[in-house]
Amino acid sequence: MGVFTFQSEVVTAIPPTKMFKACILDGDKLIPKIVPKAFKSVEYIQGNGEPGTIKKITFGEGRQFNYMKEKVEAIDKENMVYSYSVIEGDALMNKLEKITYEIKLEPSPSGGSICKTTSKYYTIGEFEIKEEAIKAGKEKTLGIFKAVEAHLLENPDA
């Protein structure tokens, strides 16, 4: 088994507390409404959103993958850090044991926020994941992130 780590940063005009609330705390309900083609539904299998919670995310019609199950590893509302693992689903392609993500929102100098994400891909056997293979997923995630940003800009009281 190998572990491949990738990091990324995205800057947004939305302050970190508001973005954390929209994407993380309210994301399971908000994102399927804003981007139904990406996420059709989020179902809680176990728990209520706190660490240990297991969620099933069903992707929208015509997406590359059908579903995935996520396990919430940690949530730190004060420091705006959220960690979760993809533990099941066709997104693992029978070549990954799991994928872990740590998302941290920090204030940016312009008054918005910087979203820093660390992704760790735990491969099965000798499989090696290439950064090019990660790019498509990052682009889709960025699209969802930007859709949430646009929603918050259009609805400042949301």
N, C-alpha and C. Protein backbone atom coordinates (compact mmCIF):
# COMPACT_ATOMS: atom_id res chain seq x y z
N MET A 1 0.85 -1.18 0.00
CA MET A 1 0.00 0.00 0.00
C MET A 1 0.89 1.24 0.00
N GLY A 2 0.50 2.19 -0.80
CA GLY A 2 1.19 3.47 -0.82
C GLY A 2 0.24 4.57 -0.39
N VAL A 3 0.81 5.69 0.02
CA VAL A 3 0.02 6.86 0.39
C VAL A 3 0.53 8.02 -0.45
N PHE A 4 -0.36 8.62 -1.22
CA PHE A 4 -0.03 9.75 -2.07
C PHE A 4 -0.76 10.97 -1.55
N THR A 5 -0.02 12.04 -1.28
CA THR A 5 -0.58 13.25 -0.67
C THR A 5 -0.56 14.40 -1.68
N PHE A 6 -1.67 15.11 -1.75
CA PHE A 6 -1.80 16.27 -2.62
C PHE A 6 -2.38 17.42 -1.80
N GLN A 7 -1.93 18.63 -2.09
CA GLN A 7 -2.43 19.81 -1.40
C GLN A 7 -2.93 20.82 -2.42
N SER A 8 -3.94 21.58 -2.01
CA SER A 8 -4.45 22.63 -2.89
C SER A 8 -4.97 23.78 -2.03
N GLU A 9 -5.07 24.95 -2.68
CA GLU A 9 -5.61 26.14 -2.03
C GLU A 9 -6.56 26.84 -2.99
N VAL A 10 -7.64 27.35 -2.43
CA VAL A 10 -8.61 28.13 -3.20
C VAL A 10 -8.92 29.38 -2.40
N VAL A 11 -8.95 30.52 -3.07
CA VAL A 11 -9.27 31.78 -2.42
C VAL A 11 -10.69 32.17 -2.79
N THR A 12 -11.43 32.66 -1.81
CA THR A 12 -12.80 33.10 -2.04
C THR A 12 -13.04 34.45 -1.38
N ALA A 13 -14.04 35.16 -1.87
CA ALA A 13 -14.39 36.47 -1.31
C ALA A 13 -15.21 36.34 -0.03
N ILE A 14 -15.66 35.15 0.29
CA ILE A 14 -16.52 34.92 1.45
C ILE A 14 -15.66 34.74 2.71
N PRO A 15 -16.00 35.38 3.82
CA PRO A 15 -15.24 35.19 5.06
C PRO A 15 -15.26 33.72 5.50
N PRO A 16 -14.20 33.27 6.18
CA PRO A 16 -14.08 31.85 6.50
C PRO A 16 -15.21 31.28 7.35
N THR A 17 -15.71 32.02 8.34
CA THR A 17 -16.78 31.46 9.17
C THR A 17 -18.04 31.19 8.35
N LYS A 18 -18.35 32.09 7.42
CA LYS A 18 -19.54 31.92 6.58
C LYS A 18 -19.35 30.76 5.59
N MET A 19 -18.16 30.66 5.02
CA MET A 19 -17.89 29.59 4.06
C MET A 19 -17.87 28.22 4.77
N PHE A 20 -17.30 28.17 5.97
CA PHE A 20 -17.26 26.93 6.74
C PHE A 20 -18.68 26.47 7.06
N LYS A 21 -19.51 27.40 7.47
CA LYS A 21 -20.90 27.07 7.79
C LYS A 21 -21.62 26.53 6.55
N ALA A 22 -21.46 27.21 5.42
CA ALA A 22 -22.17 26.81 4.20
C ALA A 22 -21.67 25.48 3.65
N CYS A 23 -20.34 25.33 3.55
CA CYS A 23 -19.77 24.14 2.92
C CYS A 23 -19.73 22.93 3.85
N ILE A 24 -19.45 23.16 5.12
CA ILE A 24 -19.24 22.05 6.04
C ILE A 24 -20.46 21.81 6.94
N LEU A 25 -20.83 22.81 7.72
CA LEU A 25 -21.90 22.61 8.70
C LEU A 25 -23.26 22.42 8.04
N ASP A 26 -23.55 23.19 6.99
CA ASP A 26 -24.85 23.09 6.30
C ASP A 26 -24.73 22.44 4.92
N GLY A 27 -23.53 22.01 4.55
CA GLY A 27 -23.26 21.52 3.20
C GLY A 27 -24.09 20.33 2.76
N ASP A 28 -24.41 19.42 3.69
CA ASP A 28 -25.17 18.22 3.30
C ASP A 28 -26.56 18.57 2.78
N LYS A 29 -27.11 19.67 3.26
CA LYS A 29 -28.43 20.10 2.79
C LYS A 29 -28.32 21.15 1.69
N LEU A 30 -27.32 22.04 1.83
CA LEU A 30 -27.20 23.17 0.91
C LEU A 30 -26.65 22.78 -0.46
N ILE A 31 -25.60 21.98 -0.50
CA ILE A 31 -24.95 21.66 -1.79
C ILE A 31 -25.88 20.91 -2.75
N PRO A 32 -26.66 19.90 -2.29
CA PRO A 32 -27.58 19.27 -3.25
C PRO A 32 -28.61 20.24 -3.83
N LYS A 33 -28.95 21.30 -3.09
CA LYS A 33 -29.90 22.30 -3.60
C LYS A 33 -29.23 23.22 -4.61
N ILE A 34 -27.98 23.61 -4.33
CA ILE A 34 -27.27 24.54 -5.20
C ILE A 34 -26.76 23.85 -6.46
N VAL A 35 -26.24 22.63 -6.31
CA VAL A 35 -25.62 21.90 -7.42
C VAL A 35 -26.21 20.48 -7.49
N PRO A 36 -27.50 20.36 -7.85
CA PRO A 36 -28.13 19.04 -7.86
C PRO A 36 -27.52 18.07 -8.87
N LYS A 37 -26.87 18.61 -9.90
CA LYS A 37 -26.23 17.71 -10.87
C LYS A 37 -24.99 17.05 -10.28
N ALA A 38 -24.40 17.66 -9.27
CA ALA A 38 -23.22 17.09 -8.63
C ALA A 38 -23.64 16.08 -7.55
N PHE A 39 -24.44 16.54 -6.61
CA PHE A 39 -24.90 15.70 -5.50
C PHE A 39 -26.40 15.59 -5.56
N LYS A 40 -26.88 14.37 -5.76
CA LYS A 40 -28.32 14.15 -5.78
C LYS A 40 -28.87 14.15 -4.36
N SER A 41 -28.15 13.46 -3.45
CA SER A 41 -28.61 13.40 -2.07
C SER A 41 -27.47 13.05 -1.12
N VAL A 42 -27.69 13.38 0.16
CA VAL A 42 -26.78 13.00 1.24
C VAL A 42 -27.64 12.35 2.31
N GLU A 43 -27.32 11.10 2.62
CA GLU A 43 -28.10 10.32 3.59
C GLU A 43 -27.19 9.93 4.76
N TYR A 44 -27.66 10.18 5.97
CA TYR A 44 -26.89 9.79 7.16
C TYR A 44 -27.18 8.33 7.47
N ILE A 45 -26.14 7.50 7.40
CA ILE A 45 -26.25 6.07 7.70
C ILE A 45 -26.12 5.86 9.21
N GLN A 46 -25.21 6.62 9.80
CA GLN A 46 -24.93 6.51 11.23
C GLN A 46 -24.48 7.87 11.74
N GLY A 47 -25.01 8.31 12.87
CA GLY A 47 -24.58 9.57 13.46
C GLY A 47 -25.37 10.77 12.97
N ASN A 48 -24.93 11.97 13.43
CA ASN A 48 -25.67 13.20 13.13
C ASN A 48 -24.77 14.32 12.63
N GLY A 49 -23.58 13.97 12.12
CA GLY A 49 -22.67 14.98 11.58
C GLY A 49 -21.40 15.15 12.40
N GLU A 50 -21.39 14.63 13.59
CA GLU A 50 -20.21 14.72 14.45
C GLU A 50 -19.21 13.63 14.05
N PRO A 51 -17.98 13.66 14.62
CA PRO A 51 -17.01 12.60 14.31
C PRO A 51 -17.60 11.21 14.52
N GLY A 52 -17.30 10.32 13.57
CA GLY A 52 -17.85 8.97 13.58
C GLY A 52 -19.06 8.81 12.68
N THR A 53 -19.66 9.91 12.27
CA THR A 53 -20.82 9.87 11.37
C THR A 53 -20.42 9.26 10.03
N ILE A 54 -21.31 8.43 9.50
CA ILE A 54 -21.11 7.86 8.16
C ILE A 54 -22.26 8.34 7.28
N LYS A 55 -21.89 8.92 6.13
CA LYS A 55 -22.86 9.48 5.19
C LYS A 55 -22.72 8.80 3.83
N LYS A 56 -23.84 8.63 3.16
CA LYS A 56 -23.83 8.14 1.78
C LYS A 56 -24.20 9.31 0.88
N ILE A 57 -23.28 9.63 -0.03
CA ILE A 57 -23.51 10.70 -0.99
C ILE A 57 -23.83 10.04 -2.33
N THR A 58 -24.99 10.35 -2.87
CA THR A 58 -25.38 9.85 -4.18
C THR A 58 -25.15 10.98 -5.18
N PHE A 59 -24.37 10.69 -6.20
CA PHE A 59 -24.04 11.70 -7.19
C PHE A 59 -25.19 11.87 -8.18
N GLY A 60 -25.21 13.02 -8.84
CA GLY A 60 -26.26 13.33 -9.81
C GLY A 60 -26.16 12.46 -11.05
N GLU A 61 -27.22 12.48 -11.83
CA GLU A 61 -27.29 11.71 -13.07
C GLU A 61 -26.16 12.08 -14.01
N GLY A 62 -25.61 11.09 -14.70
CA GLY A 62 -24.58 11.34 -15.69
C GLY A 62 -23.20 11.61 -15.13
N ARG A 63 -23.01 11.45 -13.83
CA ARG A 63 -21.70 11.68 -13.23
C ARG A 63 -20.83 10.44 -13.44
N GLN A 64 -19.54 10.63 -13.27
CA GLN A 64 -18.58 9.54 -13.46
C GLN A 64 -18.80 8.42 -12.45
N PHE A 65 -19.17 8.78 -11.22
CA PHE A 65 -19.38 7.80 -10.16
C PHE A 65 -20.82 7.88 -9.67
N ASN A 66 -21.29 6.77 -9.05
CA ASN A 66 -22.66 6.69 -8.56
C ASN A 66 -22.80 7.18 -7.12
N TYR A 67 -21.92 6.69 -6.24
CA TYR A 67 -22.05 7.05 -4.84
C TYR A 67 -20.71 6.88 -4.12
N MET A 68 -20.67 7.43 -2.90
CA MET A 68 -19.55 7.16 -2.00
C MET A 68 -20.06 7.27 -0.58
N LYS A 69 -19.38 6.59 0.31
CA LYS A 69 -19.66 6.73 1.74
C LYS A 69 -18.49 7.44 2.37
N GLU A 70 -18.82 8.42 3.21
CA GLU A 70 -17.82 9.21 3.92
C GLU A 70 -17.95 8.98 5.41
N LYS A 71 -16.81 9.00 6.08
CA LYS A 71 -16.80 8.96 7.53
C LYS A 71 -16.21 10.27 8.02
N VAL A 72 -16.94 10.97 8.89
CA VAL A 72 -16.45 12.21 9.49
C VAL A 72 -15.39 11.83 10.52
N GLU A 73 -14.17 12.31 10.32
CA GLU A 73 -13.08 11.99 11.24
C GLU A 73 -12.96 13.03 12.35
N ALA A 74 -13.06 14.30 12.01
CA ALA A 74 -12.94 15.37 12.99
C ALA A 74 -13.60 16.63 12.46
N ILE A 75 -14.13 17.41 13.38
CA ILE A 75 -14.68 18.71 13.03
C ILE A 75 -14.32 19.68 14.16
N ASP A 76 -13.64 20.74 13.80
CA ASP A 76 -13.20 21.75 14.76
C ASP A 76 -13.80 23.07 14.30
N LYS A 77 -14.95 23.40 14.86
CA LYS A 77 -15.68 24.60 14.44
C LYS A 77 -14.91 25.88 14.79
N GLU A 78 -14.21 25.86 15.90
CA GLU A 78 -13.48 27.06 16.34
C GLU A 78 -12.34 27.40 15.39
N ASN A 79 -11.59 26.37 14.96
CA ASN A 79 -10.45 26.59 14.05
C ASN A 79 -10.80 26.35 12.59
N MET A 80 -12.07 26.04 12.33
CA MET A 80 -12.59 25.82 10.97
C MET A 80 -11.80 24.76 10.21
N VAL A 81 -11.69 23.59 10.84
CA VAL A 81 -11.01 22.44 10.24
C VAL A 81 -11.99 21.27 10.22
N TYR A 82 -12.04 20.59 9.08
CA TYR A 82 -12.93 19.45 8.90
C TYR A 82 -12.15 18.33 8.23
N SER A 83 -12.23 17.13 8.79
CA SER A 83 -11.55 15.97 8.22
C SER A 83 -12.55 14.85 8.00
N TYR A 84 -12.44 14.21 6.84
CA TYR A 84 -13.30 13.06 6.55
C TYR A 84 -12.57 12.09 5.64
N SER A 85 -13.09 10.87 5.59
CA SER A 85 -12.52 9.83 4.73
C SER A 85 -13.60 9.27 3.83
N VAL A 86 -13.25 9.03 2.57
CA VAL A 86 -14.11 8.28 1.66
C VAL A 86 -13.76 6.82 1.93
N ILE A 87 -14.74 6.03 2.41
CA ILE A 87 -14.46 4.67 2.85
C ILE A 87 -15.12 3.60 1.98
N GLU A 88 -16.00 4.02 1.08
CA GLU A 88 -16.69 3.05 0.22
C GLU A 88 -17.23 3.76 -1.01
N GLY A 89 -17.40 3.00 -2.09
CA GLY A 89 -18.03 3.56 -3.28
C GLY A 89 -17.18 3.39 -4.51
N ASP A 90 -17.82 3.58 -5.66
CA ASP A 90 -17.11 3.38 -6.92
C ASP A 90 -16.04 4.44 -7.17
N ALA A 91 -16.06 5.54 -6.42
CA ALA A 91 -15.00 6.54 -6.54
C ALA A 91 -13.64 5.98 -6.10
N LEU A 92 -13.65 4.91 -5.32
CA LEU A 92 -12.39 4.27 -4.90
C LEU A 92 -11.84 3.35 -5.99
N MET A 93 -12.63 3.05 -7.00
CA MET A 93 -12.22 2.33 -8.20
C MET A 93 -11.59 0.96 -7.92
N ASN A 94 -11.85 0.36 -6.78
CA ASN A 94 -11.24 -0.91 -6.38
C ASN A 94 -9.72 -0.85 -6.39
N LYS A 95 -9.16 0.35 -6.37
CA LYS A 95 -7.71 0.53 -6.36
C LYS A 95 -7.25 1.35 -5.16
N LEU A 96 -8.22 1.89 -4.43
CA LEU A 96 -7.91 2.70 -3.26
C LEU A 96 -8.60 2.11 -2.03
N GLU A 97 -7.85 2.04 -0.95
CA GLU A 97 -8.44 1.59 0.32
C GLU A 97 -9.36 2.69 0.86
N LYS A 98 -8.86 3.93 0.81
CA LYS A 98 -9.64 5.08 1.25
C LYS A 98 -8.96 6.35 0.76
N ILE A 99 -9.67 7.45 0.87
CA ILE A 99 -9.12 8.78 0.60
C ILE A 99 -9.47 9.62 1.82
N THR A 100 -8.49 10.31 2.38
CA THR A 100 -8.78 11.22 3.50
C THR A 100 -8.56 12.66 3.05
N TYR A 101 -9.39 13.52 3.58
CA TYR A 101 -9.32 14.94 3.27
C TYR A 101 -9.29 15.74 4.58
N GLU A 102 -8.45 16.75 4.62
CA GLU A 102 -8.50 17.73 5.70
C GLU A 102 -8.69 19.08 5.04
N ILE A 103 -9.75 19.76 5.44
CA ILE A 103 -10.10 21.06 4.87
C ILE A 103 -9.98 22.09 5.98
N LYS A 104 -9.24 23.15 5.71
CA LYS A 104 -9.06 24.22 6.69
C LYS A 104 -9.34 25.55 6.01
N LEU A 105 -10.21 26.34 6.62
CA LEU A 105 -10.51 27.67 6.11
C LEU A 105 -9.81 28.70 7.00
N GLU A 106 -9.09 29.61 6.34
CA GLU A 106 -8.36 30.67 7.05
C GLU A 106 -8.73 32.02 6.45
N PRO A 107 -8.62 33.08 7.25
CA PRO A 107 -8.88 34.42 6.70
C PRO A 107 -7.83 34.78 5.65
N SER A 108 -8.27 35.45 4.61
CA SER A 108 -7.33 35.96 3.60
C SER A 108 -7.11 37.45 3.87
N PRO A 109 -6.01 38.01 3.40
CA PRO A 109 -5.74 39.44 3.62
C PRO A 109 -6.83 40.36 3.06
N SER A 110 -7.57 39.89 2.05
CA SER A 110 -8.59 40.71 1.40
C SER A 110 -9.94 40.68 2.12
N GLY A 111 -10.03 39.90 3.21
CA GLY A 111 -11.29 39.81 3.95
C GLY A 111 -12.10 38.57 3.61
N GLY A 112 -11.68 37.85 2.61
CA GLY A 112 -12.34 36.60 2.25
C GLY A 112 -11.68 35.45 3.00
N SER A 113 -11.54 34.32 2.33
CA SER A 113 -10.91 33.18 2.98
C SER A 113 -10.07 32.37 2.00
N ILE A 114 -9.18 31.59 2.59
CA ILE A 114 -8.34 30.65 1.85
C ILE A 114 -8.75 29.27 2.32
N CYS A 115 -9.14 28.43 1.39
CA CYS A 115 -9.50 27.05 1.70
C CYS A 115 -8.31 26.17 1.35
N LYS A 116 -7.70 25.58 2.38
CA LYS A 116 -6.55 24.70 2.18
C LYS A 116 -7.01 23.26 2.36
N THR A 117 -6.72 22.44 1.37
CA THR A 117 -7.13 21.05 1.42
C THR A 117 -5.92 20.14 1.25
N THR A 118 -5.84 19.15 2.12
CA THR A 118 -4.83 18.09 2.00
C THR A 118 -5.58 16.79 1.74
N SER A 119 -5.24 16.13 0.65
CA SER A 119 -5.86 14.86 0.27
C SER A 119 -4.82 13.76 0.35
N LYS A 120 -5.18 12.64 0.96
CA LYS A 120 -4.29 11.48 1.03
C LYS A 120 -5.01 10.29 0.42
N TYR A 121 -4.37 9.71 -0.58
CA TYR A 121 -4.92 8.55 -1.29
C TYR A 121 -4.16 7.31 -0.84
N TYR A 122 -4.87 6.37 -0.23
CA TYR A 122 -4.28 5.13 0.28
C TYR A 122 -4.55 4.04 -0.76
N THR A 123 -3.51 3.68 -1.49
CA THR A 123 -3.69 2.74 -2.60
C THR A 123 -3.62 1.29 -2.14
N ILE A 124 -4.20 0.43 -2.95
CA ILE A 124 -4.16 -1.02 -2.73
C ILE A 124 -3.04 -1.58 -3.61
N GLY A 125 -2.20 -2.40 -3.01
CA GLY A 125 -1.13 -3.04 -3.77
C GLY A 125 -0.14 -2.04 -4.32
N GLU A 126 0.26 -2.25 -5.57
CA GLU A 126 1.28 -1.42 -6.21
C GLU A 126 0.71 -0.25 -7.02
N PHE A 127 -0.60 -0.09 -6.95
CA PHE A 127 -1.25 0.97 -7.73
C PHE A 127 -0.67 2.33 -7.33
N GLU A 128 -0.34 3.13 -8.33
CA GLU A 128 0.16 4.49 -8.09
C GLU A 128 -0.83 5.48 -8.71
N ILE A 129 -1.21 6.43 -7.92
CA ILE A 129 -2.13 7.44 -8.43
C ILE A 129 -1.32 8.63 -8.94
N LYS A 130 -1.69 9.11 -10.08
CA LYS A 130 -0.97 10.21 -10.72
C LYS A 130 -1.70 11.52 -10.46
N GLU A 131 -0.95 12.59 -10.39
CA GLU A 131 -1.55 13.90 -10.12
C GLU A 131 -2.55 14.28 -11.22
N GLU A 132 -2.31 13.85 -12.46
CA GLU A 132 -3.24 14.15 -13.55
C GLU A 132 -4.62 13.54 -13.26
N ALA A 133 -4.61 12.36 -12.65
CA ALA A 133 -5.87 11.68 -12.34
C ALA A 133 -6.64 12.43 -11.25
N ILE A 134 -5.92 13.16 -10.43
CA ILE A 134 -6.53 13.91 -9.34
C ILE A 134 -7.12 15.22 -9.86
N LYS A 135 -6.56 15.76 -10.92
CA LYS A 135 -6.98 17.07 -11.44
C LYS A 135 -8.46 17.15 -11.76
N ALA A 136 -9.01 16.12 -12.38
CA ALA A 136 -10.43 16.14 -12.75
C ALA A 136 -11.31 16.26 -11.52
N GLY A 137 -10.98 15.50 -10.49
CA GLY A 137 -11.73 15.58 -9.24
C GLY A 137 -11.60 16.93 -8.58
N LYS A 138 -10.40 17.50 -8.63
CA LYS A 138 -10.18 18.83 -8.05
C LYS A 138 -11.01 19.88 -8.78
N GLU A 139 -11.10 19.76 -10.11
CA GLU A 139 -11.88 20.72 -10.90
C GLU A 139 -13.36 20.65 -10.54
N LYS A 140 -13.88 19.43 -10.34
CA LYS A 140 -15.29 19.27 -9.96
C LYS A 140 -15.53 19.86 -8.58
N THR A 141 -14.61 19.61 -7.65
CA THR A 141 -14.73 20.15 -6.30
C THR A 141 -14.66 21.67 -6.33
N LEU A 142 -13.77 22.21 -7.14
CA LEU A 142 -13.66 23.66 -7.28
C LEU A 142 -14.96 24.24 -7.82
N GLY A 143 -15.58 23.56 -8.77
CA GLY A 143 -16.86 24.01 -9.32
C GLY A 143 -17.94 24.08 -8.26
N ILE A 144 -17.99 23.09 -7.38
CA ILE A 144 -18.97 23.08 -6.28
C ILE A 144 -18.67 24.23 -5.31
N PHE A 145 -17.40 24.39 -4.98
CA PHE A 145 -16.96 25.45 -4.07
C PHE A 145 -17.35 26.82 -4.62
N LYS A 146 -17.10 27.03 -5.91
CA LYS A 146 -17.44 28.31 -6.55
C LYS A 146 -18.96 28.52 -6.63
N ALA A 147 -19.71 27.43 -6.78
CA ALA A 147 -21.17 27.54 -6.80
C ALA A 147 -21.69 27.96 -5.43
N VAL A 148 -21.09 27.44 -4.36
CA VAL A 148 -21.47 27.86 -3.01
C VAL A 148 -21.11 29.33 -2.81
N GLU A 149 -19.92 29.72 -3.26
CA GLU A 149 -19.49 31.12 -3.17
C GLU A 149 -20.50 32.02 -3.88
N ALA A 150 -20.89 31.67 -5.10
CA ALA A 150 -21.84 32.48 -5.87
C ALA A 150 -23.18 32.57 -5.15
N HIS A 151 -23.63 31.46 -4.59
CA HIS A 151 -24.88 31.43 -3.82
C HIS A 151 -24.82 32.40 -2.65
N LEU A 152 -23.70 32.39 -1.93
CA LEU A 152 -23.55 33.28 -0.76
C LEU A 152 -23.44 34.74 -1.18
N LEU A 153 -22.81 35.01 -2.31
CA LEU A 153 -22.72 36.38 -2.80
C LEU A 153 -24.09 36.91 -3.23
N GLU A 154 -24.90 36.01 -3.82
CA GLU A 154 -26.26 36.40 -4.25
C GLU A 154 -27.24 36.47 -3.09
N ASN A 155 -26.93 35.73 -2.03
CA ASN A 155 -27.82 35.66 -0.85
C ASN A 155 -27.01 35.98 0.41
N PRO A 156 -26.67 37.25 0.62
CA PRO A 156 -25.79 37.61 1.73
C PRO A 156 -26.31 37.23 3.12
N ASP A 157 -27.62 37.04 3.25
CA ASP A 157 -28.17 36.68 4.55
C ASP A 157 -28.29 35.18 4.74
N ALA A 158 -27.83 34.41 3.75
CA ALA A 158 -27.95 32.94 3.84
C ALA A 158 -27.02 32.38 4.90
